[in-house]
Amino acid sequence: MKISLQDFAYVKCQELIRTGELTPGKLYSEVALSKQLNISRTPIRGAIQRLEKEGLVTRLPQRGFQVNEFDLRDIEELFAMRKAIEGFAAELLAATNKKFDPDLFNNHLMYQQKVCESEGLQQFQEEDRKFHEDLVKATDNQRLIELYGDLRLSIALFARKRFQVSSQRSQSLEEHRQIIRAIEDGDPDRARKAIYQHIDRVLELYHKHEI
């Protein structure tokens, strides 16, 4: 199905934020973005307005827009939402094995191991995103999936900084393995706790200002 230009602009802006091409705190113009994406300013303006409603950007009259920076309280709120959504997803998958594809997640783990060894920062970040998104998608709960999609874009704004330290990539990989083992073993409580521990560990690093 063909999407509108505004939807296209919205998706492309999300991608630019997620990959770090649009960085927090820097001023950008709709005109420059319009030229970069080769579409008119009207759909760009609509996309920026949508992102502003989601709390991801701030428009500055007569100046342009900037991607928002997150403080510790923002991060705590986002991680609390992550725990609620991902914890529920892991628990449900372990209890029912609903649409859980072991091969898909084992492939995720193998690729994470590969890019972890090769120091592929951007590749690991992207693979980490796919791993967590696929966990939620496996629940087949469309409202949960949409809610989580919006959340992951916000998380991407500070995830890059976390994975700049190679030990964080190795630790995340091991925690991913524990999550998958718990789901495959059909242990809902262990699966939920594995997600909680995974998320809490990262939040603790933010509290300690280590990332």
N, C-alpha and C. Protein backbone atom coordinates (compact mmCIF):
# COMPACT_ATOMS: atom_id res chain seq x y z
N MET A 1 0.84 -1.20 0.00
CA MET A 1 0.00 0.00 0.00
C MET A 1 0.88 1.25 0.00
N LYS A 2 0.55 2.19 -0.87
CA LYS A 2 1.32 3.42 -0.98
C LYS A 2 1.06 4.32 0.22
N ILE A 3 2.14 4.84 0.81
CA ILE A 3 1.98 5.72 1.97
C ILE A 3 2.04 7.17 1.52
N SER A 4 1.50 8.07 2.34
CA SER A 4 1.50 9.49 2.01
C SER A 4 2.91 10.06 2.17
N LEU A 5 3.13 11.23 1.58
CA LEU A 5 4.43 11.87 1.71
C LEU A 5 4.73 12.24 3.16
N GLN A 6 3.68 12.62 3.90
CA GLN A 6 3.91 12.96 5.31
C GLN A 6 4.33 11.73 6.11
N ASP A 7 3.69 10.60 5.84
CA ASP A 7 4.08 9.36 6.53
C ASP A 7 5.50 8.97 6.15
N PHE A 8 5.83 9.15 4.87
CA PHE A 8 7.19 8.85 4.42
C PHE A 8 8.20 9.74 5.13
N ALA A 9 7.89 11.04 5.21
CA ALA A 9 8.78 11.99 5.88
C ALA A 9 8.91 11.64 7.36
N TYR A 10 7.81 11.23 7.96
CA TYR A 10 7.81 10.86 9.39
C TYR A 10 8.72 9.66 9.64
N VAL A 11 8.59 8.64 8.80
CA VAL A 11 9.42 7.44 8.94
C VAL A 11 10.89 7.77 8.72
N LYS A 12 11.18 8.61 7.72
CA LYS A 12 12.57 8.97 7.43
C LYS A 12 13.17 9.79 8.57
N CYS A 13 12.37 10.68 9.16
CA CYS A 13 12.86 11.48 10.30
C CYS A 13 13.14 10.57 11.50
N GLN A 14 12.27 9.60 11.72
CA GLN A 14 12.51 8.63 12.79
C GLN A 14 13.83 7.91 12.57
N GLU A 15 14.07 7.52 11.33
CA GLU A 15 15.30 6.80 11.00
C GLU A 15 16.53 7.68 11.23
N LEU A 16 16.44 8.96 10.85
CA LEU A 16 17.56 9.88 11.04
C LEU A 16 17.84 10.11 12.52
N ILE A 17 16.79 10.13 13.33
CA ILE A 17 16.98 10.27 14.78
C ILE A 17 17.60 9.01 15.36
N ARG A 18 17.07 7.86 14.94
CA ARG A 18 17.54 6.58 15.48
C ARG A 18 19.00 6.33 15.16
N THR A 19 19.43 6.71 13.95
CA THR A 19 20.81 6.45 13.53
C THR A 19 21.78 7.54 13.97
N GLY A 20 21.25 8.62 14.53
CA GLY A 20 22.12 9.68 15.03
C GLY A 20 22.46 10.75 14.01
N GLU A 21 21.86 10.69 12.82
CA GLU A 21 22.11 11.74 11.83
C GLU A 21 21.47 13.06 12.26
N LEU A 22 20.38 12.96 13.01
CA LEU A 22 19.81 14.13 13.68
C LEU A 22 20.13 13.97 15.15
N THR A 23 21.01 14.81 15.67
CA THR A 23 21.49 14.65 17.04
C THR A 23 20.83 15.64 17.99
N PRO A 24 20.65 15.26 19.25
CA PRO A 24 20.01 16.14 20.23
C PRO A 24 20.77 17.46 20.42
N GLY A 25 20.00 18.54 20.56
CA GLY A 25 20.57 19.83 20.87
C GLY A 25 21.02 20.65 19.68
N LYS A 26 21.17 20.04 18.52
CA LYS A 26 21.63 20.76 17.33
C LYS A 26 20.43 21.31 16.57
N LEU A 27 20.59 22.52 16.02
CA LEU A 27 19.49 23.17 15.30
C LEU A 27 19.45 22.71 13.84
N TYR A 28 18.25 22.33 13.38
CA TYR A 28 18.06 21.90 11.99
C TYR A 28 16.95 22.72 11.36
N SER A 29 17.01 22.85 10.04
CA SER A 29 15.97 23.60 9.33
C SER A 29 15.11 22.65 8.50
N GLU A 30 13.84 23.00 8.38
CA GLU A 30 12.93 22.21 7.55
C GLU A 30 13.36 22.27 6.09
N VAL A 31 13.90 23.42 5.68
CA VAL A 31 14.33 23.59 4.29
C VAL A 31 15.45 22.60 3.96
N ALA A 32 16.46 22.53 4.84
CA ALA A 32 17.58 21.63 4.59
C ALA A 32 17.13 20.18 4.59
N LEU A 33 16.23 19.84 5.52
CA LEU A 33 15.74 18.47 5.59
C LEU A 33 14.90 18.13 4.36
N SER A 34 14.15 19.10 3.89
CA SER A 34 13.36 18.91 2.68
C SER A 34 14.25 18.59 1.48
N LYS A 35 15.37 19.31 1.37
CA LYS A 35 16.31 19.05 0.28
C LYS A 35 16.98 17.69 0.44
N GLN A 36 17.32 17.35 1.68
CA GLN A 36 17.99 16.07 1.93
C GLN A 36 17.11 14.89 1.55
N LEU A 37 15.81 14.99 1.87
CA LEU A 37 14.88 13.89 1.59
C LEU A 37 14.21 14.02 0.22
N ASN A 38 14.47 15.15 -0.44
CA ASN A 38 13.94 15.38 -1.79
C ASN A 38 12.41 15.37 -1.83
N ILE A 39 11.80 15.99 -0.82
CA ILE A 39 10.35 16.17 -0.81
C ILE A 39 10.05 17.59 -0.34
N SER A 40 8.82 18.05 -0.57
CA SER A 40 8.46 19.43 -0.25
C SER A 40 8.42 19.67 1.26
N ARG A 41 8.35 20.94 1.64
CA ARG A 41 8.38 21.30 3.06
C ARG A 41 7.10 20.92 3.79
N THR A 42 5.96 20.88 3.09
CA THR A 42 4.69 20.61 3.77
C THR A 42 4.67 19.26 4.49
N PRO A 43 5.03 18.15 3.83
CA PRO A 43 5.07 16.88 4.57
C PRO A 43 6.16 16.85 5.64
N ILE A 44 7.25 17.57 5.41
CA ILE A 44 8.31 17.66 6.43
C ILE A 44 7.76 18.34 7.68
N ARG A 45 7.03 19.44 7.46
CA ARG A 45 6.45 20.18 8.58
C ARG A 45 5.47 19.30 9.36
N GLY A 46 4.66 18.53 8.64
CA GLY A 46 3.72 17.64 9.29
C GLY A 46 4.43 16.56 10.11
N ALA A 47 5.52 16.04 9.56
CA ALA A 47 6.29 15.00 10.27
C ALA A 47 6.91 15.57 11.54
N ILE A 48 7.45 16.78 11.45
CA ILE A 48 8.07 17.41 12.62
C ILE A 48 7.02 17.69 13.70
N GLN A 49 5.83 18.09 13.28
CA GLN A 49 4.75 18.33 14.24
C GLN A 49 4.37 17.04 14.97
N ARG A 50 4.34 15.93 14.25
CA ARG A 50 4.03 14.64 14.89
C ARG A 50 5.11 14.26 15.89
N LEU A 51 6.36 14.46 15.51
CA LEU A 51 7.47 14.14 16.41
C LEU A 51 7.47 15.04 17.64
N GLU A 52 7.03 16.29 17.45
CA GLU A 52 6.96 17.20 18.59
C GLU A 52 5.88 16.75 19.58
N LYS A 53 4.74 16.29 19.07
CA LYS A 53 3.67 15.79 19.94
C LYS A 53 4.14 14.58 20.74
N GLU A 54 5.06 13.81 20.16
CA GLU A 54 5.58 12.62 20.83
C GLU A 54 6.72 12.97 21.80
N GLY A 55 7.08 14.26 21.86
CA GLY A 55 8.11 14.70 22.79
C GLY A 55 9.53 14.46 22.32
N LEU A 56 9.70 14.20 21.02
CA LEU A 56 11.03 13.88 20.50
C LEU A 56 11.77 15.09 19.97
N VAL A 57 11.04 16.09 19.49
CA VAL A 57 11.68 17.30 18.97
C VAL A 57 10.96 18.53 19.51
N THR A 58 11.62 19.67 19.38
CA THR A 58 11.03 20.96 19.74
C THR A 58 11.18 21.89 18.55
N ARG A 59 10.07 22.48 18.13
CA ARG A 59 10.13 23.45 17.03
C ARG A 59 10.42 24.84 17.60
N LEU A 60 11.30 25.56 16.93
CA LEU A 60 11.68 26.91 17.35
C LEU A 60 11.25 27.88 16.25
N PRO A 61 10.26 28.74 16.53
CA PRO A 61 9.71 29.65 15.51
C PRO A 61 10.80 30.45 14.79
N GLN A 62 10.71 30.46 13.48
CA GLN A 62 11.62 31.20 12.61
C GLN A 62 13.07 30.68 12.65
N ARG A 63 13.30 29.59 13.35
CA ARG A 63 14.67 29.10 13.47
C ARG A 63 14.81 27.66 12.98
N GLY A 64 13.82 26.82 13.23
CA GLY A 64 13.91 25.43 12.82
C GLY A 64 13.43 24.50 13.92
N PHE A 65 14.14 23.42 14.14
CA PHE A 65 13.76 22.47 15.19
C PHE A 65 15.01 21.78 15.70
N GLN A 66 14.89 21.17 16.87
CA GLN A 66 15.99 20.38 17.41
C GLN A 66 15.46 19.12 18.08
N VAL A 67 16.27 18.08 18.04
CA VAL A 67 15.93 16.84 18.72
C VAL A 67 16.14 17.05 20.22
N ASN A 68 15.18 16.61 21.02
CA ASN A 68 15.25 16.85 22.46
C ASN A 68 16.31 15.99 23.14
N GLU A 69 16.89 16.56 24.18
CA GLU A 69 17.80 15.81 25.03
C GLU A 69 17.01 15.31 26.25
N PHE A 70 17.39 14.14 26.76
CA PHE A 70 16.68 13.55 27.89
C PHE A 70 17.48 13.71 29.18
N ASP A 71 16.78 14.08 30.25
CA ASP A 71 17.44 14.11 31.55
C ASP A 71 17.18 12.78 32.27
N LEU A 72 17.70 12.64 33.48
CA LEU A 72 17.61 11.37 34.20
C LEU A 72 16.16 10.98 34.48
N ARG A 73 15.32 11.96 34.78
CA ARG A 73 13.92 11.64 35.05
C ARG A 73 13.24 11.07 33.80
N ASP A 74 13.53 11.66 32.64
CA ASP A 74 12.98 11.14 31.38
C ASP A 74 13.40 9.68 31.19
N ILE A 75 14.68 9.42 31.43
CA ILE A 75 15.22 8.08 31.23
C ILE A 75 14.56 7.09 32.19
N GLU A 76 14.37 7.49 33.44
CA GLU A 76 13.72 6.62 34.42
C GLU A 76 12.29 6.28 33.99
N GLU A 77 11.57 7.27 33.48
CA GLU A 77 10.20 7.03 33.04
C GLU A 77 10.16 6.09 31.84
N LEU A 78 11.08 6.30 30.89
CA LEU A 78 11.14 5.43 29.71
C LEU A 78 11.48 4.00 30.09
N PHE A 79 12.41 3.84 31.02
CA PHE A 79 12.81 2.50 31.42
C PHE A 79 11.71 1.81 32.22
N ALA A 80 10.93 2.57 32.97
CA ALA A 80 9.79 1.98 33.68
C ALA A 80 8.77 1.43 32.68
N MET A 81 8.56 2.17 31.60
CA MET A 81 7.65 1.70 30.55
C MET A 81 8.22 0.48 29.84
N ARG A 82 9.53 0.49 29.61
CA ARG A 82 10.17 -0.68 29.00
C ARG A 82 9.95 -1.93 29.84
N LYS A 83 10.15 -1.80 31.14
CA LYS A 83 9.99 -2.95 32.03
C LYS A 83 8.56 -3.48 31.97
N ALA A 84 7.60 -2.57 31.96
CA ALA A 84 6.20 -3.00 31.93
C ALA A 84 5.88 -3.75 30.64
N ILE A 85 6.32 -3.20 29.50
CA ILE A 85 5.98 -3.79 28.21
C ILE A 85 6.81 -5.05 27.94
N GLU A 86 8.13 -4.94 28.07
CA GLU A 86 8.98 -6.08 27.74
C GLU A 86 8.84 -7.21 28.76
N GLY A 87 8.65 -6.84 30.03
CA GLY A 87 8.46 -7.86 31.05
C GLY A 87 7.20 -8.67 30.79
N PHE A 88 6.12 -7.97 30.42
CA PHE A 88 4.87 -8.65 30.08
C PHE A 88 5.06 -9.54 28.86
N ALA A 89 5.76 -9.02 27.84
CA ALA A 89 5.97 -9.78 26.61
C ALA A 89 6.75 -11.06 26.88
N ALA A 90 7.84 -10.96 27.64
CA ALA A 90 8.66 -12.14 27.94
C ALA A 90 7.88 -13.16 28.75
N GLU A 91 7.11 -12.67 29.71
CA GLU A 91 6.30 -13.56 30.55
C GLU A 91 5.26 -14.29 29.71
N LEU A 92 4.60 -13.56 28.82
CA LEU A 92 3.58 -14.16 27.96
C LEU A 92 4.18 -15.20 27.01
N LEU A 93 5.32 -14.87 26.42
CA LEU A 93 5.96 -15.79 25.49
C LEU A 93 6.40 -17.07 26.19
N ALA A 94 6.92 -16.93 27.40
CA ALA A 94 7.36 -18.11 28.15
C ALA A 94 6.17 -18.98 28.55
N ALA A 95 5.04 -18.33 28.82
CA ALA A 95 3.86 -19.08 29.27
C ALA A 95 3.15 -19.79 28.13
N THR A 96 3.19 -19.19 26.93
CA THR A 96 2.39 -19.73 25.83
C THR A 96 3.20 -20.15 24.61
N ASN A 97 4.46 -19.64 24.52
CA ASN A 97 5.27 -19.84 23.31
C ASN A 97 4.56 -19.33 22.07
N LYS A 98 3.69 -18.35 22.26
CA LYS A 98 2.89 -17.81 21.16
C LYS A 98 3.77 -17.11 20.13
N LYS A 99 3.80 -17.67 18.94
CA LYS A 99 4.55 -17.11 17.82
C LYS A 99 6.02 -16.88 18.16
N PHE A 100 6.54 -17.65 19.10
CA PHE A 100 7.96 -17.51 19.44
C PHE A 100 8.78 -18.40 18.52
N ASP A 101 9.69 -17.80 17.79
CA ASP A 101 10.52 -18.52 16.82
C ASP A 101 11.94 -18.62 17.37
N PRO A 102 12.32 -19.76 17.94
CA PRO A 102 13.67 -19.91 18.52
C PRO A 102 14.78 -19.62 17.52
N ASP A 103 14.58 -20.02 16.27
CA ASP A 103 15.61 -19.80 15.26
C ASP A 103 15.87 -18.31 15.04
N LEU A 104 14.80 -17.52 15.03
CA LEU A 104 14.94 -16.07 14.84
C LEU A 104 15.81 -15.47 15.94
N PHE A 105 15.53 -15.85 17.19
CA PHE A 105 16.26 -15.25 18.30
C PHE A 105 17.66 -15.83 18.45
N ASN A 106 17.84 -17.07 18.10
CA ASN A 106 19.20 -17.63 18.11
C ASN A 106 20.05 -16.97 17.03
N ASN A 107 19.43 -16.62 15.91
CA ASN A 107 20.15 -15.89 14.87
C ASN A 107 20.53 -14.49 15.36
N HIS A 108 19.61 -13.87 16.10
CA HIS A 108 19.91 -12.57 16.71
C HIS A 108 21.16 -12.69 17.60
N LEU A 109 21.18 -13.72 18.43
CA LEU A 109 22.28 -13.90 19.37
C LEU A 109 23.60 -14.16 18.65
N MET A 110 23.55 -14.95 17.59
CA MET A 110 24.77 -15.25 16.84
C MET A 110 25.31 -14.00 16.17
N TYR A 111 24.41 -13.20 15.61
CA TYR A 111 24.87 -11.98 14.94
C TYR A 111 25.39 -10.97 15.95
N GLN A 112 24.75 -10.88 17.11
CA GLN A 112 25.24 -9.99 18.16
C GLN A 112 26.64 -10.39 18.60
N GLN A 113 26.88 -11.69 18.71
CA GLN A 113 28.21 -12.18 19.07
C GLN A 113 29.23 -11.77 18.01
N LYS A 114 28.84 -11.88 16.76
CA LYS A 114 29.75 -11.54 15.66
C LYS A 114 30.12 -10.06 15.67
N VAL A 115 29.12 -9.18 15.78
CA VAL A 115 29.42 -7.75 15.74
C VAL A 115 30.06 -7.29 17.04
N CYS A 116 29.80 -8.00 18.13
CA CYS A 116 30.44 -7.68 19.41
C CYS A 116 31.95 -7.92 19.30
N GLU A 117 32.32 -9.01 18.66
CA GLU A 117 33.74 -9.35 18.49
C GLU A 117 34.43 -8.42 17.50
N SER A 118 33.67 -7.89 16.54
CA SER A 118 34.26 -7.03 15.52
C SER A 118 34.20 -5.56 15.89
N GLU A 119 33.72 -5.26 17.11
CA GLU A 119 33.61 -3.87 17.59
C GLU A 119 32.67 -3.05 16.71
N GLY A 120 31.64 -3.69 16.16
CA GLY A 120 30.68 -2.97 15.32
C GLY A 120 29.63 -2.27 16.16
N LEU A 121 29.91 -1.03 16.53
CA LEU A 121 29.02 -0.28 17.43
C LEU A 121 27.64 -0.08 16.83
N GLN A 122 27.58 0.49 15.64
CA GLN A 122 26.28 0.79 15.04
C GLN A 122 25.50 -0.48 14.73
N GLN A 123 26.23 -1.52 14.27
CA GLN A 123 25.56 -2.78 13.96
C GLN A 123 24.98 -3.42 15.22
N PHE A 124 25.73 -3.34 16.33
CA PHE A 124 25.22 -3.93 17.57
C PHE A 124 24.00 -3.17 18.06
N GLN A 125 24.05 -1.85 17.97
CA GLN A 125 22.90 -1.05 18.39
C GLN A 125 21.66 -1.42 17.59
N GLU A 126 21.82 -1.59 16.28
CA GLU A 126 20.70 -1.94 15.43
C GLU A 126 20.18 -3.34 15.75
N GLU A 127 21.10 -4.26 15.99
CA GLU A 127 20.70 -5.63 16.30
C GLU A 127 20.02 -5.70 17.67
N ASP A 128 20.49 -4.90 18.61
CA ASP A 128 19.85 -4.82 19.93
C ASP A 128 18.42 -4.33 19.79
N ARG A 129 18.22 -3.32 18.97
CA ARG A 129 16.88 -2.79 18.74
C ARG A 129 15.96 -3.86 18.15
N LYS A 130 16.46 -4.59 17.15
CA LYS A 130 15.65 -5.62 16.51
C LYS A 130 15.31 -6.74 17.48
N PHE A 131 16.27 -7.12 18.33
CA PHE A 131 16.04 -8.18 19.30
C PHE A 131 14.86 -7.84 20.21
N HIS A 132 14.89 -6.64 20.78
CA HIS A 132 13.83 -6.25 21.71
C HIS A 132 12.50 -6.03 20.99
N GLU A 133 12.55 -5.46 19.80
CA GLU A 133 11.31 -5.27 19.04
C GLU A 133 10.68 -6.61 18.67
N ASP A 134 11.50 -7.57 18.28
CA ASP A 134 10.97 -8.88 17.89
C ASP A 134 10.36 -9.62 19.08
N LEU A 135 10.90 -9.40 20.27
CA LEU A 135 10.30 -9.99 21.47
C LEU A 135 8.87 -9.50 21.64
N VAL A 136 8.68 -8.20 21.50
CA VAL A 136 7.34 -7.63 21.67
C VAL A 136 6.44 -8.04 20.50
N LYS A 137 6.98 -8.04 19.29
CA LYS A 137 6.18 -8.42 18.12
C LYS A 137 5.68 -9.86 18.23
N ALA A 138 6.46 -10.71 18.87
CA ALA A 138 6.08 -12.12 18.99
C ALA A 138 4.81 -12.32 19.82
N THR A 139 4.42 -11.30 20.61
CA THR A 139 3.17 -11.41 21.38
C THR A 139 1.95 -11.31 20.49
N ASP A 140 2.12 -10.74 19.29
CA ASP A 140 1.03 -10.55 18.34
C ASP A 140 -0.05 -9.61 18.89
N ASN A 141 0.34 -8.73 19.81
CA ASN A 141 -0.57 -7.73 20.38
C ASN A 141 -0.28 -6.40 19.69
N GLN A 142 -1.14 -6.01 18.74
CA GLN A 142 -0.85 -4.87 17.89
C GLN A 142 -0.75 -3.55 18.66
N ARG A 143 -1.60 -3.35 19.64
CA ARG A 143 -1.54 -2.11 20.42
C ARG A 143 -0.25 -2.04 21.23
N LEU A 144 0.15 -3.16 21.76
CA LEU A 144 1.40 -3.22 22.52
C LEU A 144 2.58 -2.94 21.60
N ILE A 145 2.54 -3.48 20.40
CA ILE A 145 3.61 -3.30 19.42
C ILE A 145 3.73 -1.84 19.01
N GLU A 146 2.59 -1.17 18.77
CA GLU A 146 2.62 0.23 18.37
C GLU A 146 3.14 1.12 19.50
N LEU A 147 2.69 0.84 20.71
CA LEU A 147 3.14 1.61 21.87
C LEU A 147 4.65 1.45 22.05
N TYR A 148 5.11 0.24 21.88
CA TYR A 148 6.54 -0.03 22.06
C TYR A 148 7.37 0.61 20.95
N GLY A 149 6.82 0.67 19.74
CA GLY A 149 7.53 1.29 18.63
C GLY A 149 7.85 2.75 18.91
N ASP A 150 6.88 3.48 19.46
CA ASP A 150 7.11 4.88 19.82
C ASP A 150 8.16 4.99 20.92
N LEU A 151 8.11 4.07 21.86
CA LEU A 151 9.04 4.09 22.99
C LEU A 151 10.47 3.84 22.54
N ARG A 152 10.67 2.90 21.63
CA ARG A 152 12.02 2.53 21.21
C ARG A 152 12.74 3.68 20.51
N LEU A 153 12.01 4.53 19.82
CA LEU A 153 12.66 5.66 19.16
C LEU A 153 13.25 6.61 20.19
N SER A 154 12.53 6.83 21.28
CA SER A 154 13.06 7.67 22.35
C SER A 154 14.30 7.04 22.98
N ILE A 155 14.24 5.74 23.19
CA ILE A 155 15.37 5.03 23.79
C ILE A 155 16.60 5.10 22.90
N ALA A 156 16.39 5.09 21.59
CA ALA A 156 17.51 5.12 20.65
C ALA A 156 18.36 6.38 20.79
N LEU A 157 17.76 7.45 21.33
CA LEU A 157 18.49 8.71 21.46
C LEU A 157 19.66 8.60 22.43
N PHE A 158 19.56 7.69 23.41
CA PHE A 158 20.70 7.56 24.31
C PHE A 158 21.31 6.16 24.31
N ALA A 159 20.78 5.25 23.49
CA ALA A 159 21.33 3.89 23.43
C ALA A 159 22.72 3.88 22.81
N ARG A 160 22.98 4.77 21.85
CA ARG A 160 24.29 4.78 21.19
C ARG A 160 25.41 5.00 22.19
N LYS A 161 25.19 5.89 23.14
CA LYS A 161 26.22 6.19 24.13
C LYS A 161 26.53 4.96 24.98
N ARG A 162 25.49 4.19 25.30
CA ARG A 162 25.68 3.01 26.14
C ARG A 162 26.60 2.00 25.47
N PHE A 163 26.44 1.76 24.18
CA PHE A 163 27.18 0.71 23.51
C PHE A 163 28.56 1.14 23.04
N GLN A 164 28.95 2.38 23.33
CA GLN A 164 30.30 2.81 22.98
C GLN A 164 31.34 2.06 23.80
N VAL A 165 30.94 1.54 24.95
CA VAL A 165 31.83 0.74 25.80
C VAL A 165 31.64 -0.73 25.45
N SER A 166 32.70 -1.40 24.99
CA SER A 166 32.58 -2.77 24.49
C SER A 166 32.07 -3.73 25.57
N SER A 167 32.43 -3.50 26.84
CA SER A 167 31.99 -4.38 27.91
C SER A 167 30.47 -4.35 28.06
N GLN A 168 29.86 -3.21 27.72
CA GLN A 168 28.40 -3.11 27.79
C GLN A 168 27.75 -3.97 26.72
N ARG A 169 28.38 -4.06 25.56
CA ARG A 169 27.85 -4.91 24.50
C ARG A 169 27.92 -6.38 24.91
N SER A 170 29.04 -6.78 25.49
CA SER A 170 29.20 -8.17 25.93
C SER A 170 28.20 -8.53 27.02
N GLN A 171 28.00 -7.61 27.96
CA GLN A 171 27.06 -7.86 29.05
C GLN A 171 25.64 -7.95 28.53
N SER A 172 25.28 -7.07 27.60
CA SER A 172 23.94 -7.11 27.02
C SER A 172 23.69 -8.41 26.28
N LEU A 173 24.70 -8.88 25.56
CA LEU A 173 24.57 -10.15 24.84
C LEU A 173 24.29 -11.30 25.79
N GLU A 174 25.02 -11.37 26.90
CA GLU A 174 24.81 -12.45 27.87
C GLU A 174 23.42 -12.36 28.48
N GLU A 175 22.96 -11.16 28.76
CA GLU A 175 21.61 -10.99 29.32
C GLU A 175 20.54 -11.38 28.31
N HIS A 176 20.78 -11.10 27.04
CA HIS A 176 19.85 -11.53 25.99
C HIS A 176 19.75 -13.06 25.97
N ARG A 177 20.89 -13.72 26.13
CA ARG A 177 20.89 -15.19 26.16
C ARG A 177 20.04 -15.71 27.32
N GLN A 178 20.16 -15.08 28.48
CA GLN A 178 19.40 -15.51 29.65
C GLN A 178 17.90 -15.33 29.43
N ILE A 179 17.52 -14.25 28.77
CA ILE A 179 16.11 -14.00 28.48
C ILE A 179 15.55 -15.10 27.58
N ILE A 180 16.29 -15.43 26.52
CA ILE A 180 15.83 -16.44 25.57
C ILE A 180 15.78 -17.82 26.22
N ARG A 181 16.77 -18.14 27.05
CA ARG A 181 16.75 -19.44 27.74
C ARG A 181 15.50 -19.58 28.61
N ALA A 182 15.16 -18.53 29.33
CA ALA A 182 13.99 -18.57 30.21
C ALA A 182 12.71 -18.77 29.41
N ILE A 183 12.61 -18.11 28.26
CA ILE A 183 11.42 -18.26 27.41
C ILE A 183 11.36 -19.67 26.84
N GLU A 184 12.49 -20.17 26.35
CA GLU A 184 12.52 -21.52 25.78
C GLU A 184 12.22 -22.58 26.84
N ASP A 185 12.62 -22.31 28.09
CA ASP A 185 12.35 -23.26 29.18
C ASP A 185 10.91 -23.17 29.68
N GLY A 186 10.15 -22.21 29.15
CA GLY A 186 8.76 -22.06 29.56
C GLY A 186 8.61 -21.58 30.99
N ASP A 187 9.51 -20.69 31.42
CA ASP A 187 9.51 -20.19 32.80
C ASP A 187 9.16 -18.70 32.79
N PRO A 188 7.86 -18.35 32.91
CA PRO A 188 7.43 -16.95 32.82
C PRO A 188 8.07 -16.05 33.87
N ASP A 189 8.15 -16.53 35.11
CA ASP A 189 8.71 -15.71 36.18
C ASP A 189 10.18 -15.39 35.92
N ARG A 190 10.93 -16.39 35.49
CA ARG A 190 12.35 -16.19 35.21
C ARG A 190 12.55 -15.28 34.00
N ALA A 191 11.69 -15.42 33.00
CA ALA A 191 11.79 -14.58 31.81
C ALA A 191 11.54 -13.12 32.15
N ARG A 192 10.51 -12.87 32.96
CA ARG A 192 10.21 -11.49 33.36
C ARG A 192 11.35 -10.91 34.19
N LYS A 193 11.87 -11.70 35.13
CA LYS A 193 12.96 -11.22 35.98
C LYS A 193 14.23 -10.95 35.16
N ALA A 194 14.46 -11.77 34.13
CA ALA A 194 15.64 -11.57 33.29
C ALA A 194 15.55 -10.24 32.54
N ILE A 195 14.35 -9.91 32.07
CA ILE A 195 14.13 -8.61 31.42
C ILE A 195 14.35 -7.49 32.42
N TYR A 196 13.76 -7.62 33.60
CA TYR A 196 13.89 -6.58 34.63
C TYR A 196 15.35 -6.33 34.98
N GLN A 197 16.10 -7.41 35.18
CA GLN A 197 17.51 -7.27 35.54
C GLN A 197 18.31 -6.61 34.42
N HIS A 198 17.98 -6.97 33.19
CA HIS A 198 18.64 -6.40 32.02
C HIS A 198 18.43 -4.89 31.97
N ILE A 199 17.20 -4.46 32.16
CA ILE A 199 16.87 -3.03 32.08
C ILE A 199 17.38 -2.28 33.30
N ASP A 200 17.24 -2.88 34.48
CA ASP A 200 17.69 -2.23 35.71
C ASP A 200 19.20 -2.00 35.72
N ARG A 201 19.95 -2.94 35.15
CA ARG A 201 21.41 -2.78 35.12
C ARG A 201 21.80 -1.55 34.33
N VAL A 202 21.15 -1.35 33.19
CA VAL A 202 21.47 -0.19 32.36
C VAL A 202 21.06 1.10 33.07
N LEU A 203 19.90 1.10 33.69
CA LEU A 203 19.45 2.30 34.40
C LEU A 203 20.41 2.64 35.54
N GLU A 204 20.94 1.63 36.19
CA GLU A 204 21.89 1.87 37.28
C GLU A 204 23.14 2.57 36.76
N LEU A 205 23.56 2.23 35.55
CA LEU A 205 24.73 2.89 34.96
C LEU A 205 24.47 4.37 34.73
N TYR A 206 23.24 4.70 34.33
CA TYR A 206 22.89 6.11 34.16
C TYR A 206 22.92 6.83 35.51
N HIS A 207 22.43 6.17 36.54
CA HIS A 207 22.45 6.77 37.87
C HIS A 207 23.88 7.04 38.34
N LYS A 208 24.79 6.15 37.94
CA LYS A 208 26.19 6.30 38.34
C LYS A 208 26.97 7.19 37.38
N HIS A 209 26.28 7.68 36.34
CA HIS A 209 26.91 8.54 35.32
C HIS A 209 28.05 7.83 34.61
N GLU A 210 27.92 6.51 34.47
CA GLU A 210 28.95 5.76 33.77
C GLU A 210 28.69 5.69 32.27
N ILE A 211 27.50 6.10 31.84
CA ILE A 211 27.21 6.16 30.41
C ILE A 211 26.43 7.43 30.11
